[in-house]
Amino acid sequence: MPAFAQPDRPEPACRYWLPVWLLLVFILACFVSTPIKANEPAKQEKLVLLIRELRNEAGEIVPIRDEIRQLLNYFEHQLQIKFEIRRYPWTRLLINARTGEGIVFGLSKNRERLQTYQFSEAIYANYVWLVTRSDATFTYNSMLDLKGKTVGVIRGTSYGDEFDSQRNVLFQVEEDVGSHGARLKKLINKRMDVMIFGDRRAQADEVEQLLLRILRKESSTTDKAVEQGFKVLPKPMLVDELHFAAVGAQYEEWIRKLNAAILAGRKSGEISRILISDK
């Protein structure tokens, strides 16, 4: 053996020690972190929902009614989402909807809207009632019975193609703010002949009691002259179906999902149960 040759010796034990140690730490970290991530709550997807803003006589926003909140909770649960609710006056809401800001809750169909919006199945139906002064009631059978009258509506609302075609033709329209208490006072003070009010209740006496409750809640003082001064005509002007509606291809899948939830809620009776809970 040459003098400079060294006999074979085993490799130092520490040569591979550091990489193996790092590998073990990495594997251990994977096992430890996996259950923590599994237990983290999944982030809910958000969907912008546009709802009409109503204000009382003091200018304060009226809270969304409890049964509507429950209805929205139902759709959130069915779709596993969270609504980001944005409330606007009706005219501004429709402008924002046309720019694709979100999905409208509670929009009725007419010829013009069908050209722009995609609509869901009907969520529920509103009865459109005619409210008059107690000393100025009349029999309503058709739109012709409104001839020459001043009819109060919330600004930006539509009550079907027939009504819209006769605005300021057969009758005059007085556009109002959303406060029903303020609208009733305008009616009693003869600034309009008829006030239009939409609600899902199908009986005129139930609607009168609802308007009394709204009036007392919105007003700081009880005004007997107003409370006793109006009457809901026994026949509704029309039955108006309300829908989710949106503008833009980005909402097509959401409308399909909402349709599935509406149909499921009809079949199970859950939507009806929610809506009758406040009657």
Protein backbone atom coordinates (compact mmCIF):
# COMPACT_ATOMS: atom_id res chain seq x y z
CA MET A 1 0.00 0.00 0.00
CA PRO A 2 1.40 3.42 -0.94
CA ALA A 3 2.50 5.55 1.97
CA PHE A 4 -0.01 8.29 1.18
CA ALA A 5 -3.06 6.02 0.98
CA GLN A 6 -5.44 6.06 3.92
CA PRO A 7 -7.34 2.98 5.00
CA ASP A 8 -11.13 3.04 4.43
CA ARG A 9 -12.94 4.69 7.34
CA PRO A 10 -16.66 5.00 8.02
CA GLU A 11 -18.26 8.33 7.11
CA PRO A 12 -18.72 10.69 10.06
CA ALA A 13 -22.08 10.07 11.75
CA CYS A 14 -22.96 13.80 11.65
CA ARG A 15 -22.72 14.14 7.84
CA TYR A 16 -26.43 13.41 7.23
CA TRP A 17 -27.72 14.38 10.66
CA LEU A 18 -28.84 17.96 9.86
CA PRO A 19 -30.98 17.19 6.77
CA VAL A 20 -32.69 14.25 8.52
CA TRP A 21 -33.44 16.47 11.51
CA LEU A 22 -35.02 19.12 9.28
CA LEU A 23 -37.09 16.47 7.51
CA LEU A 24 -38.40 15.14 10.82
CA VAL A 25 -39.35 18.64 11.94
CA PHE A 26 -41.20 19.26 8.67
CA ILE A 27 -43.13 15.96 8.92
CA LEU A 28 -44.01 16.63 12.56
CA ALA A 29 -45.22 20.14 11.68
CA CYS A 30 -47.51 18.72 9.01
CA PHE A 31 -49.13 16.30 11.44
CA VAL A 32 -49.56 18.95 14.14
CA SER A 33 -50.92 21.68 11.86
CA THR A 34 -53.43 19.54 9.96
CA PRO A 35 -56.00 19.18 12.77
CA ILE A 36 -55.78 22.90 13.59
CA LYS A 37 -56.61 23.85 10.00
CA ALA A 38 -59.39 21.27 9.90
CA ASN A 39 -61.04 22.88 12.91
CA GLU A 40 -60.91 26.41 11.53
CA PRO A 41 -64.37 27.66 10.45
CA ALA A 42 -64.76 27.97 6.69
CA LYS A 43 -65.12 31.53 5.45
CA GLN A 44 -68.65 32.17 4.18
CA GLU A 45 -69.03 33.64 0.72
CA LYS A 46 -70.74 37.04 0.70
CA LEU A 47 -73.46 38.20 -1.66
CA VAL A 48 -74.54 41.85 -1.90
CA LEU A 49 -78.29 42.18 -1.40
CA LEU A 50 -80.07 45.46 -2.17
CA ILE A 51 -83.16 46.23 -0.08
CA ARG A 52 -85.43 49.26 -0.14
CA GLU A 53 -84.80 51.75 2.62
CA LEU A 54 -87.80 53.06 4.57
CA ARG A 55 -87.65 56.01 6.96
CA ASN A 56 -89.98 57.24 9.68
CA GLU A 57 -91.21 60.82 10.09
CA ALA A 58 -88.04 61.73 12.02
CA GLY A 59 -85.93 60.61 9.05
CA GLU A 60 -84.60 57.52 10.83
CA ILE A 61 -84.22 54.28 8.87
CA VAL A 62 -86.96 51.79 9.78
CA PRO A 63 -85.46 48.37 10.67
CA ILE A 64 -86.13 45.42 8.38
CA ARG A 65 -89.20 43.59 9.64
CA ASP A 66 -88.55 40.45 11.70
CA GLU A 67 -90.20 38.01 9.30
CA ILE A 68 -88.15 39.37 6.39
CA ARG A 69 -84.99 38.93 8.48
CA GLN A 70 -86.01 35.32 9.13
CA LEU A 71 -86.66 34.82 5.43
CA LEU A 72 -83.19 36.13 4.57
CA ASN A 73 -81.72 33.84 7.24
CA TYR A 74 -83.43 30.93 5.50
CA PHE A 75 -81.76 31.76 2.17
CA GLU A 76 -78.37 32.27 3.85
CA HIS A 77 -78.63 28.82 5.43
CA GLN A 78 -79.76 27.16 2.21
CA LEU A 79 -77.01 28.72 0.11
CA GLN A 80 -74.32 28.68 2.84
CA ILE A 81 -73.60 32.36 2.29
CA LYS A 82 -73.78 35.67 4.14
CA PHE A 83 -75.79 38.55 2.68
CA GLU A 84 -74.10 41.93 2.69
CA ILE A 85 -77.24 44.06 2.99
CA ARG A 86 -77.21 47.54 1.48
CA ARG A 87 -80.30 49.70 1.84
CA TYR A 88 -81.15 52.58 -0.48
CA PRO A 89 -84.21 54.66 -1.41
CA TRP A 90 -86.05 52.81 -4.16
CA THR A 91 -84.97 54.98 -7.11
CA ARG A 92 -81.30 54.88 -6.14
CA LEU A 93 -81.53 51.15 -5.44
CA LEU A 94 -82.70 50.45 -8.98
CA ILE A 95 -79.96 52.66 -10.44
CA ASN A 96 -77.32 50.76 -8.43
CA ALA A 97 -78.82 47.41 -9.38
CA ARG A 98 -78.55 48.29 -13.08
CA THR A 99 -74.82 48.88 -12.63
CA GLY A 100 -74.46 45.34 -11.23
CA GLU A 101 -73.87 46.28 -7.58
CA GLY A 102 -75.91 43.38 -6.22
CA ILE A 103 -79.15 41.39 -6.24
CA VAL A 104 -82.42 43.17 -5.47
CA PHE A 105 -84.76 41.66 -2.90
CA GLY A 106 -88.49 42.14 -3.51
CA LEU A 107 -88.76 43.40 -7.09
CA SER A 108 -91.94 42.98 -9.13
CA LYS A 109 -92.00 42.39 -12.88
CA ASN A 110 -93.12 44.76 -15.58
CA ARG A 111 -92.45 44.98 -19.30
CA GLU A 112 -89.57 47.43 -18.94
CA ARG A 113 -87.80 45.52 -16.16
CA LEU A 114 -88.05 42.22 -18.02
CA GLN A 115 -85.84 43.72 -20.72
CA THR A 116 -83.07 44.48 -18.20
CA TYR A 117 -83.29 42.19 -15.16
CA GLN A 118 -83.11 38.47 -14.70
CA PHE A 119 -85.73 37.39 -12.16
CA SER A 120 -85.91 34.49 -9.75
CA GLU A 121 -89.00 32.46 -9.02
CA ALA A 122 -91.57 34.42 -7.00
CA ILE A 123 -90.62 34.53 -3.31
CA TYR A 124 -94.08 35.58 -2.16
CA ALA A 125 -96.99 37.76 -3.30
CA ASN A 126 -97.94 41.22 -2.10
CA TYR A 127 -101.51 42.46 -2.17
CA VAL A 128 -101.65 46.05 -3.40
CA TRP A 129 -104.27 47.87 -1.33
CA LEU A 130 -106.04 51.21 -1.86
CA VAL A 131 -106.29 53.36 1.27
CA THR A 132 -108.72 56.31 1.32
CA ARG A 133 -110.07 58.80 3.82
CA SER A 134 -112.92 57.38 5.87
CA ASP A 135 -115.33 59.97 4.46
CA ALA A 136 -114.24 59.50 0.85
CA THR A 137 -114.41 55.76 0.19
CA PHE A 138 -115.51 54.41 -3.19
CA THR A 139 -116.09 51.08 -4.86
CA TYR A 140 -113.07 49.77 -6.75
CA ASN A 141 -113.54 47.26 -9.56
CA SER A 142 -111.04 48.38 -12.20
CA MET A 143 -108.44 51.01 -12.96
CA LEU A 144 -111.20 53.22 -14.38
CA ASP A 145 -112.41 53.80 -10.82
CA LEU A 146 -109.25 55.85 -10.21
CA LYS A 147 -110.15 58.33 -12.96
CA GLY A 148 -109.45 61.91 -11.93
CA LYS A 149 -107.99 60.97 -8.55
CA THR A 150 -104.59 61.77 -7.08
CA VAL A 151 -102.88 58.50 -6.16
CA GLY A 152 -99.97 58.41 -3.71
CA VAL A 153 -97.13 55.96 -4.42
CA ILE A 154 -93.63 55.50 -3.04
CA ARG A 155 -91.17 57.13 -5.42
CA GLY A 156 -89.75 54.70 -7.98
CA THR A 157 -92.30 51.91 -7.46
CA SER A 158 -94.18 50.09 -10.21
CA TYR A 159 -97.59 48.44 -9.92
CA GLY A 160 -97.75 46.65 -13.22
CA ASP A 161 -97.95 47.70 -16.84
CA GLU A 162 -101.61 48.77 -16.75
CA PHE A 163 -101.09 51.07 -13.77
CA ASP A 164 -97.85 52.48 -15.17
CA SER A 165 -99.46 53.25 -18.52
CA GLN A 166 -102.21 55.28 -16.83
CA ARG A 167 -99.97 57.34 -14.54
CA ASN A 168 -100.72 61.03 -15.07
CA VAL A 169 -103.15 60.05 -17.84
CA LEU A 170 -106.24 58.50 -16.21
CA PHE A 171 -105.16 59.65 -12.74
CA GLN A 172 -102.45 61.83 -11.22
CA VAL A 173 -99.59 60.39 -9.21
CA GLU A 174 -98.24 61.88 -6.00
CA GLU A 175 -94.77 60.43 -5.33
CA ASP A 176 -93.98 60.00 -1.63
CA VAL A 177 -91.09 59.18 0.66
CA GLY A 178 -91.12 55.73 2.26
CA SER A 179 -92.63 56.76 5.62
CA HIS A 180 -96.13 55.26 5.76
CA GLY A 181 -97.04 57.45 8.74
CA ALA A 182 -96.21 60.60 6.78
CA ARG A 183 -98.12 59.26 3.78
CA LEU A 184 -101.24 58.63 5.88
CA LYS A 185 -101.10 62.19 7.17
CA LYS A 186 -100.88 63.49 3.59
CA LEU A 187 -103.96 61.41 2.79
CA ILE A 188 -105.94 62.77 5.77
CA ASN A 189 -104.86 66.33 4.89
CA LYS A 190 -106.32 65.84 1.37
CA ARG A 191 -103.01 66.09 -0.44
CA MET A 192 -103.97 62.85 -2.18
CA ASP A 193 -107.21 60.90 -2.68
CA VAL A 194 -105.80 57.38 -2.53
CA MET A 195 -102.69 55.93 -0.94
CA ILE A 196 -101.29 52.68 -2.34
CA PHE A 197 -99.90 50.23 0.19
CA GLY A 198 -98.46 46.79 -0.51
CA ASP A 199 -98.44 43.91 1.98
CA ARG A 200 -98.75 40.13 1.91
CA ARG A 201 -101.90 40.20 4.10
CA ALA A 202 -104.99 39.18 2.13
CA GLN A 203 -107.69 40.81 4.30
CA ALA A 204 -108.45 44.53 4.36
CA ASP A 205 -109.15 44.64 8.13
CA GLU A 206 -105.75 43.03 8.84
CA VAL A 207 -104.07 45.70 6.69
CA GLU A 208 -105.88 48.48 8.61
CA GLN A 209 -104.58 47.08 11.91
CA LEU A 210 -101.06 46.85 10.45
CA LEU A 211 -101.19 50.49 9.30
CA LEU A 212 -102.33 51.53 12.78
CA ARG A 213 -99.37 49.72 14.32
CA ILE A 214 -96.98 51.33 11.83
CA LEU A 215 -98.49 54.77 12.47
CA ARG A 216 -98.18 54.43 16.26
CA LYS A 217 -94.61 53.16 15.96
CA GLU A 218 -93.50 55.97 13.64
CA SER A 219 -95.28 58.81 15.46
CA SER A 220 -94.22 60.14 18.86
CA THR A 221 -97.80 61.10 19.73
CA THR A 222 -101.13 59.42 19.11
CA ASP A 223 -103.20 61.30 16.55
CA LYS A 224 -106.80 60.07 16.81
CA ALA A 225 -107.86 62.12 13.78
CA VAL A 226 -105.37 60.24 11.62
CA GLU A 227 -106.03 56.84 13.25
CA GLN A 228 -109.77 57.11 12.62
CA GLY A 229 -109.49 58.98 9.35
CA PHE A 230 -108.49 56.27 6.87
CA LYS A 231 -110.05 53.14 5.42
CA VAL A 232 -108.63 50.25 3.38
CA LEU A 233 -110.91 49.38 0.46
CA PRO A 234 -112.07 45.73 0.57
CA LYS A 235 -110.75 44.74 -2.88
CA PRO A 236 -107.01 44.90 -3.60
CA MET A 237 -105.97 46.66 -6.79
CA LEU A 238 -103.78 43.70 -7.76
CA VAL A 239 -101.72 40.80 -6.45
CA ASP A 240 -98.05 41.55 -7.06
CA GLU A 241 -95.44 38.75 -7.02
CA LEU A 242 -92.04 39.71 -5.64
CA HIS A 243 -88.70 38.25 -6.76
CA PHE A 244 -84.94 38.40 -6.43
CA ALA A 245 -83.64 40.23 -9.50
CA ALA A 246 -80.26 41.27 -10.87
CA VAL A 247 -78.48 42.73 -13.88
CA GLY A 248 -75.34 41.06 -15.21
CA ALA A 249 -74.08 37.62 -16.20
CA GLN A 250 -72.19 37.32 -12.89
CA TYR A 251 -75.52 36.76 -11.13
CA GLU A 252 -76.92 34.00 -13.34
CA GLU A 253 -75.59 31.20 -11.12
CA TRP A 254 -76.84 32.96 -7.98
CA ILE A 255 -80.34 33.27 -9.45
CA ARG A 256 -80.30 29.53 -10.20
CA LYS A 257 -79.26 28.78 -6.61
CA LEU A 258 -81.92 31.11 -5.21
CA ASN A 259 -84.52 29.41 -7.41
CA ALA A 260 -83.58 26.04 -5.93
CA ALA A 261 -83.91 27.45 -2.40
CA ILE A 262 -87.29 29.03 -3.20
CA LEU A 263 -88.66 25.80 -4.64
CA ALA A 264 -87.33 23.82 -1.66
CA GLY A 265 -88.92 26.32 0.74
CA ARG A 266 -92.26 26.03 -1.02
CA LYS A 267 -92.17 22.25 -0.94
CA SER A 268 -91.26 22.08 2.74
CA GLY A 269 -93.63 24.90 3.70
CA GLU A 270 -90.78 26.77 5.40
CA ILE A 271 -91.28 30.03 3.50
CA SER A 272 -95.00 30.10 4.30
CA ARG A 273 -94.28 29.29 7.96
CA ILE A 274 -91.85 32.22 8.20
CA LEU A 275 -94.20 34.69 6.53
CA ILE A 276 -97.29 33.83 8.58
CA SER A 277 -95.34 34.02 11.86
CA ASP A 278 -95.83 37.80 12.00
CA LYS A 279 -99.50 37.86 11.09
